[in-house]
Structures are given as C-alpha cells and as structure tokens.
C-alpha cells in the first residue's frame, strides 16, 4: 500500500519525507501541483482579514513555509490551490475559488517553471 494515502491523519513529519522522496524519484519535475494552500511567498495579502491575527489560527503557516522550499526546487507547469477563498492568477500559481478551469493535459516541458 501507498503510505501517502493509507491514513488521512498521518502527521506532517511522516508525510513530508515521503512526499520529497516521490519528487526526488521524478527529478523534481512534474506537470501540475494541486494543493490546499500555497507557498507562503504567494500568500494573497488582499485575502486576509484586516486587523485579524491570522497566524493565531492558521496552523498551515508551517506547511506554507515548507512549501516555499518545495516550490524553489520544483520544476512545474501549473500550480492550483484554494485555501484563501479568492480567485486569482499569479505568474506562477492560480488560486481557485469561484472559478473553474480545464485541467491541463499534455503540458510541454518548455512551459514549466524551472
């Protein structure tokens, strides 16, 4: 069985090394990333509540910083995420909320952000 999918409640400490091992096996080159949240450096500040201490409840902050390190090494064509409840397309990432996009098929390597 695949250790990444057998237990929904696996801890981050268990999943992260397995995830990085999978990326290593494919040379850190993939077509599409689908994630709940986004790397911290792409956090859409306009989606955060003014005066609200987001960090007090955002347990994913540690994950978002880890995703920064993943994104720096990763060669990818598309990155889709949600979490912030905003529809926005950045030069490297697309936040999906009220929008629907066609899933990219047959991505050319020239399109990848390496």
N, C-alpha and C. Protein backbone atom coordinates (compact mmCIF):
# COMPACT_ATOMS: atom_id res chain seq x y z
N UNK A 1 0.82 -1.20 0.00
CA UNK A 1 0.00 0.00 0.00
C UNK A 1 0.86 1.27 0.00
N UNK A 2 0.29 2.31 -0.54
CA UNK A 2 0.96 3.60 -0.64
C UNK A 2 0.85 4.34 0.69
N UNK A 3 1.99 4.64 1.31
CA UNK A 3 1.99 5.29 2.61
C UNK A 3 1.42 6.71 2.56
N UNK A 4 1.39 7.33 1.39
CA UNK A 4 0.85 8.69 1.29
C UNK A 4 -0.67 8.72 1.37
N UNK A 5 -1.33 7.60 1.11
CA UNK A 5 -2.79 7.62 1.06
C UNK A 5 -3.46 6.68 2.05
N UNK A 6 -2.73 5.91 2.82
CA UNK A 6 -3.36 4.91 3.68
C UNK A 6 -4.01 5.50 4.92
N UNK A 7 -3.49 6.59 5.44
CA UNK A 7 -4.03 7.15 6.67
C UNK A 7 -4.19 8.65 6.52
N UNK A 8 -5.41 9.09 6.49
CA UNK A 8 -5.69 10.52 6.33
C UNK A 8 -5.04 11.35 7.42
N UNK A 9 -4.86 10.77 8.58
CA UNK A 9 -4.34 11.51 9.72
C UNK A 9 -2.84 11.34 9.93
N UNK A 10 -2.10 10.98 8.89
CA UNK A 10 -0.65 10.93 9.00
C UNK A 10 -0.14 12.30 9.40
N UNK A 11 0.88 12.32 10.21
CA UNK A 11 1.44 13.61 10.62
C UNK A 11 2.29 14.19 9.52
N UNK A 12 2.49 15.50 9.58
CA UNK A 12 3.32 16.17 8.59
C UNK A 12 4.73 15.60 8.60
N UNK A 13 5.22 15.23 9.76
CA UNK A 13 6.57 14.68 9.87
C UNK A 13 6.70 13.36 9.14
N UNK A 14 5.61 12.61 9.05
CA UNK A 14 5.62 11.34 8.32
C UNK A 14 5.47 11.56 6.82
N UNK A 15 4.63 12.49 6.43
CA UNK A 15 4.30 12.68 5.02
C UNK A 15 5.38 13.45 4.26
N UNK A 16 5.93 14.46 4.85
CA UNK A 16 6.89 15.31 4.13
C UNK A 16 8.08 14.54 3.55
N UNK A 17 8.74 13.69 4.31
CA UNK A 17 9.86 12.93 3.71
C UNK A 17 9.40 12.01 2.58
N UNK A 18 8.23 11.40 2.70
CA UNK A 18 7.70 10.54 1.64
C UNK A 18 7.38 11.37 0.40
N UNK A 19 6.81 12.54 0.60
CA UNK A 19 6.49 13.43 -0.50
C UNK A 19 7.75 13.87 -1.23
N UNK A 20 8.77 14.27 -0.47
CA UNK A 20 10.03 14.70 -1.08
C UNK A 20 10.73 13.54 -1.79
N UNK A 21 10.59 12.34 -1.25
CA UNK A 21 11.18 11.17 -1.90
C UNK A 21 10.52 10.93 -3.26
N UNK A 22 9.21 11.12 -3.34
CA UNK A 22 8.50 10.97 -4.61
C UNK A 22 8.97 12.02 -5.62
N UNK A 23 9.17 13.25 -5.15
CA UNK A 23 9.66 14.31 -6.05
C UNK A 23 11.08 14.01 -6.51
N UNK A 24 11.88 13.49 -5.61
CA UNK A 24 13.27 13.11 -5.96
C UNK A 24 13.26 12.03 -7.04
N UNK A 25 12.34 11.08 -6.91
CA UNK A 25 12.26 9.97 -7.87
C UNK A 25 11.93 10.44 -9.28
N UNK A 26 11.22 11.56 -9.39
CA UNK A 26 10.89 12.08 -10.72
C UNK A 26 11.75 13.28 -11.09
N UNK A 27 12.86 13.44 -10.39
CA UNK A 27 13.80 14.52 -10.72
C UNK A 27 13.27 15.91 -10.43
N UNK A 28 12.31 16.02 -9.51
CA UNK A 28 11.71 17.31 -9.15
C UNK A 28 11.05 17.98 -10.34
N UNK A 29 10.56 17.16 -11.29
CA UNK A 29 9.87 17.69 -12.47
C UNK A 29 8.49 17.06 -12.58
N UNK A 30 7.47 17.91 -12.49
CA UNK A 30 6.09 17.44 -12.61
C UNK A 30 5.30 18.44 -13.45
N UNK A 31 4.15 18.04 -13.90
CA UNK A 31 3.33 18.93 -14.72
C UNK A 31 2.45 19.85 -13.87
N UNK A 32 1.74 19.26 -12.90
CA UNK A 32 0.72 20.02 -12.17
C UNK A 32 0.83 19.77 -10.67
N UNK A 33 0.67 20.83 -9.90
CA UNK A 33 0.59 20.73 -8.44
C UNK A 33 -0.84 21.12 -8.05
N UNK A 34 -1.48 20.27 -7.28
CA UNK A 34 -2.78 20.57 -6.68
C UNK A 34 -2.58 20.55 -5.18
N UNK A 35 -2.80 21.68 -4.54
CA UNK A 35 -2.62 21.73 -3.09
C UNK A 35 -3.74 22.55 -2.46
N UNK A 36 -3.97 22.30 -1.20
CA UNK A 36 -4.99 23.09 -0.50
C UNK A 36 -4.50 24.52 -0.33
N UNK A 37 -3.34 24.68 0.25
CA UNK A 37 -2.78 26.00 0.48
C UNK A 37 -1.66 26.27 -0.53
N UNK A 38 -1.01 27.40 -0.37
CA UNK A 38 0.03 27.82 -1.32
C UNK A 38 1.33 28.09 -0.58
N UNK A 39 2.43 28.09 -1.30
CA UNK A 39 3.68 28.52 -0.66
C UNK A 39 3.50 29.90 -0.03
N UNK A 40 4.15 30.11 1.08
CA UNK A 40 3.99 31.35 1.85
C UNK A 40 4.28 32.60 1.01
N UNK A 41 5.27 32.54 0.13
CA UNK A 41 5.64 33.72 -0.64
C UNK A 41 4.56 34.16 -1.62
N UNK A 42 3.58 33.30 -1.90
CA UNK A 42 2.47 33.66 -2.79
C UNK A 42 1.19 33.96 -2.03
N UNK A 43 1.25 34.02 -0.71
CA UNK A 43 0.05 34.30 0.08
C UNK A 43 -0.59 35.60 -0.37
N UNK A 44 -1.86 35.56 -0.77
CA UNK A 44 -2.53 36.78 -1.24
C UNK A 44 -2.95 37.65 -0.06
N UNK A 45 -2.17 38.65 0.22
CA UNK A 45 -2.42 39.51 1.38
C UNK A 45 -3.82 40.13 1.34
N UNK A 46 -4.32 40.39 0.12
CA UNK A 46 -5.64 41.01 0.00
C UNK A 46 -6.76 40.08 0.47
N UNK A 47 -6.47 38.79 0.61
CA UNK A 47 -7.48 37.84 1.06
C UNK A 47 -7.53 37.70 2.57
N UNK A 48 -6.56 38.28 3.26
CA UNK A 48 -6.52 38.18 4.72
C UNK A 48 -7.37 39.28 5.33
N UNK A 49 -7.97 39.00 6.46
CA UNK A 49 -8.82 39.98 7.13
C UNK A 49 -7.96 41.04 7.81
N UNK A 50 -8.26 42.29 7.57
CA UNK A 50 -7.53 43.39 8.20
C UNK A 50 -7.72 43.36 9.71
N UNK A 51 -6.65 43.53 10.43
CA UNK A 51 -6.72 43.56 11.88
C UNK A 51 -6.91 42.21 12.54
N UNK A 52 -7.02 41.17 11.75
CA UNK A 52 -7.23 39.82 12.28
C UNK A 52 -5.89 39.12 12.38
N UNK A 53 -5.61 38.55 13.50
CA UNK A 53 -4.33 37.86 13.70
C UNK A 53 -4.42 36.45 13.12
N UNK A 54 -4.26 36.38 11.80
CA UNK A 54 -4.38 35.13 11.05
C UNK A 54 -3.45 34.05 11.60
N UNK A 55 -2.26 34.45 11.99
CA UNK A 55 -1.27 33.49 12.45
C UNK A 55 -1.72 32.74 13.69
N UNK A 56 -2.64 33.31 14.46
CA UNK A 56 -3.09 32.63 15.67
C UNK A 56 -3.93 31.40 15.37
N UNK A 57 -4.59 31.40 14.22
CA UNK A 57 -5.42 30.25 13.89
C UNK A 57 -4.90 29.47 12.70
N UNK A 58 -3.99 30.03 11.95
CA UNK A 58 -3.54 29.38 10.73
C UNK A 58 -2.46 28.34 11.04
N UNK A 59 -2.90 27.13 11.25
CA UNK A 59 -1.98 26.04 11.58
C UNK A 59 -1.15 25.62 10.38
N UNK A 60 -1.51 26.10 9.20
CA UNK A 60 -0.79 25.71 7.99
C UNK A 60 0.42 26.59 7.73
N UNK A 61 0.64 27.62 8.53
CA UNK A 61 1.77 28.52 8.29
C UNK A 61 3.07 27.74 8.16
N UNK A 62 3.27 26.75 9.02
CA UNK A 62 4.47 25.94 8.94
C UNK A 62 4.52 25.19 7.61
N UNK A 63 3.39 24.69 7.19
CA UNK A 63 3.29 23.98 5.91
C UNK A 63 3.59 24.93 4.76
N UNK A 64 3.06 26.14 4.82
CA UNK A 64 3.28 27.11 3.75
C UNK A 64 4.75 27.48 3.61
N UNK A 65 5.46 27.58 4.71
CA UNK A 65 6.90 27.85 4.65
C UNK A 65 7.65 26.66 4.07
N UNK A 66 7.24 25.45 4.43
CA UNK A 66 7.85 24.25 3.86
C UNK A 66 7.59 24.21 2.35
N UNK A 67 6.38 24.61 1.95
CA UNK A 67 6.04 24.62 0.53
C UNK A 67 6.90 25.64 -0.24
N UNK A 68 7.34 26.70 0.42
CA UNK A 68 8.29 27.63 -0.21
C UNK A 68 9.54 26.88 -0.66
N UNK A 69 10.07 26.04 0.22
CA UNK A 69 11.29 25.31 -0.11
C UNK A 69 11.04 24.29 -1.22
N UNK A 70 9.84 23.71 -1.25
CA UNK A 70 9.48 22.77 -2.32
C UNK A 70 9.40 23.53 -3.65
N UNK A 71 8.71 24.65 -3.66
CA UNK A 71 8.49 25.42 -4.88
C UNK A 71 9.80 25.92 -5.47
N UNK A 72 10.76 26.25 -4.63
CA UNK A 72 12.06 26.73 -5.12
C UNK A 72 12.82 25.65 -5.90
N UNK A 73 12.62 24.40 -5.55
CA UNK A 73 13.34 23.30 -6.20
C UNK A 73 12.55 22.67 -7.34
N UNK A 74 11.26 22.86 -7.34
CA UNK A 74 10.36 22.13 -8.23
C UNK A 74 10.28 22.74 -9.62
N UNK A 75 10.27 21.89 -10.61
CA UNK A 75 10.05 22.27 -12.00
C UNK A 75 8.62 21.85 -12.33
N UNK A 76 7.73 22.83 -12.55
CA UNK A 76 6.31 22.52 -12.76
C UNK A 76 5.71 23.47 -13.79
N UNK A 77 4.59 23.05 -14.37
CA UNK A 77 3.90 23.88 -15.36
C UNK A 77 2.76 24.67 -14.74
N UNK A 78 2.02 24.05 -13.82
CA UNK A 78 0.85 24.70 -13.21
C UNK A 78 0.81 24.38 -11.72
N UNK A 79 0.35 25.35 -10.95
CA UNK A 79 0.11 25.12 -9.51
C UNK A 79 -1.26 25.70 -9.22
N UNK A 80 -2.17 24.86 -8.74
CA UNK A 80 -3.52 25.27 -8.38
C UNK A 80 -3.73 25.05 -6.88
N UNK A 81 -4.39 26.00 -6.24
CA UNK A 81 -4.71 25.85 -4.82
C UNK A 81 -5.99 26.61 -4.49
N UNK A 82 -6.45 26.51 -3.27
CA UNK A 82 -7.68 27.18 -2.84
C UNK A 82 -7.47 27.96 -1.57
N UNK A 83 -7.69 27.39 -0.44
CA UNK A 83 -7.48 27.88 0.92
C UNK A 83 -7.91 29.32 1.19
N UNK A 84 -7.51 30.27 0.38
CA UNK A 84 -7.75 31.68 0.70
C UNK A 84 -9.10 32.20 0.20
N UNK A 85 -9.90 31.35 -0.44
CA UNK A 85 -11.22 31.74 -0.93
C UNK A 85 -11.13 32.99 -1.79
N UNK A 86 -10.26 32.92 -2.78
CA UNK A 86 -10.04 34.02 -3.71
C UNK A 86 -9.78 33.42 -5.09
N UNK A 87 -10.27 34.08 -6.11
CA UNK A 87 -9.97 33.67 -7.48
C UNK A 87 -8.91 34.63 -8.00
N UNK A 88 -7.73 34.10 -8.26
CA UNK A 88 -6.62 34.96 -8.66
C UNK A 88 -5.60 34.13 -9.42
N UNK A 89 -5.03 34.73 -10.46
CA UNK A 89 -3.98 34.05 -11.20
C UNK A 89 -2.72 34.90 -11.10
N UNK A 90 -1.68 34.30 -10.59
CA UNK A 90 -0.37 34.92 -10.44
C UNK A 90 0.50 34.40 -11.58
N UNK A 91 1.71 34.90 -11.70
CA UNK A 91 2.57 34.40 -12.76
C UNK A 91 2.96 32.94 -12.57
N UNK A 92 2.88 32.42 -11.35
CA UNK A 92 3.30 31.05 -11.11
C UNK A 92 2.24 30.17 -10.47
N UNK A 93 1.16 30.77 -9.98
CA UNK A 93 0.19 30.00 -9.21
C UNK A 93 -1.22 30.52 -9.48
N UNK A 94 -2.20 29.61 -9.39
CA UNK A 94 -3.58 30.03 -9.60
C UNK A 94 -4.41 29.61 -8.40
N UNK A 95 -5.07 30.59 -7.79
CA UNK A 95 -5.96 30.35 -6.66
C UNK A 95 -7.36 30.14 -7.21
N UNK A 96 -7.97 29.04 -6.87
CA UNK A 96 -9.30 28.71 -7.36
C UNK A 96 -10.32 28.86 -6.24
N UNK A 97 -11.40 29.56 -6.53
CA UNK A 97 -12.50 29.67 -5.56
C UNK A 97 -13.82 29.58 -6.30
N UNK A 98 -14.24 30.65 -6.96
CA UNK A 98 -15.48 30.63 -7.72
C UNK A 98 -15.25 30.31 -9.19
N UNK A 99 -14.03 30.05 -9.56
CA UNK A 99 -13.75 29.78 -10.97
C UNK A 99 -13.50 28.29 -11.20
N UNK A 100 -13.71 27.90 -12.43
CA UNK A 100 -13.48 26.52 -12.86
C UNK A 100 -12.51 26.60 -14.03
N UNK A 101 -11.52 25.73 -14.03
CA UNK A 101 -10.56 25.72 -15.13
C UNK A 101 -10.47 24.31 -15.71
N UNK A 102 -10.15 24.24 -16.97
CA UNK A 102 -9.89 22.94 -17.59
C UNK A 102 -8.56 22.43 -17.09
N UNK A 103 -8.51 21.17 -16.75
CA UNK A 103 -7.28 20.59 -16.28
C UNK A 103 -6.32 20.48 -17.45
N UNK A 104 -5.09 21.00 -17.30
CA UNK A 104 -4.14 20.98 -18.41
C UNK A 104 -3.68 19.55 -18.72
N UNK A 105 -3.70 19.22 -20.00
CA UNK A 105 -3.27 17.89 -20.45
C UNK A 105 -2.18 18.08 -21.50
N UNK A 106 -1.16 17.23 -21.46
CA UNK A 106 -0.12 17.28 -22.45
C UNK A 106 0.76 18.51 -22.33
N UNK A 107 1.17 18.83 -21.14
CA UNK A 107 1.99 20.01 -20.89
C UNK A 107 3.37 19.85 -21.52
N UNK A 108 3.79 20.86 -22.26
CA UNK A 108 5.13 20.87 -22.85
C UNK A 108 6.15 21.25 -21.79
N UNK A 109 7.32 20.63 -21.85
CA UNK A 109 8.36 20.93 -20.89
C UNK A 109 8.78 22.39 -20.96
N UNK A 110 8.67 23.02 -22.13
CA UNK A 110 9.05 24.43 -22.26
C UNK A 110 8.18 25.33 -21.40
N UNK A 111 6.96 24.88 -21.08
CA UNK A 111 6.04 25.68 -20.28
C UNK A 111 6.35 25.62 -18.78
N UNK A 112 7.19 24.70 -18.39
CA UNK A 112 7.43 24.50 -16.96
C UNK A 112 8.27 25.62 -16.37
N UNK A 113 7.97 25.91 -15.14
CA UNK A 113 8.71 26.93 -14.39
C UNK A 113 9.81 26.25 -13.61
N UNK A 114 11.00 26.30 -14.15
CA UNK A 114 12.14 25.63 -13.54
C UNK A 114 13.16 26.66 -13.05
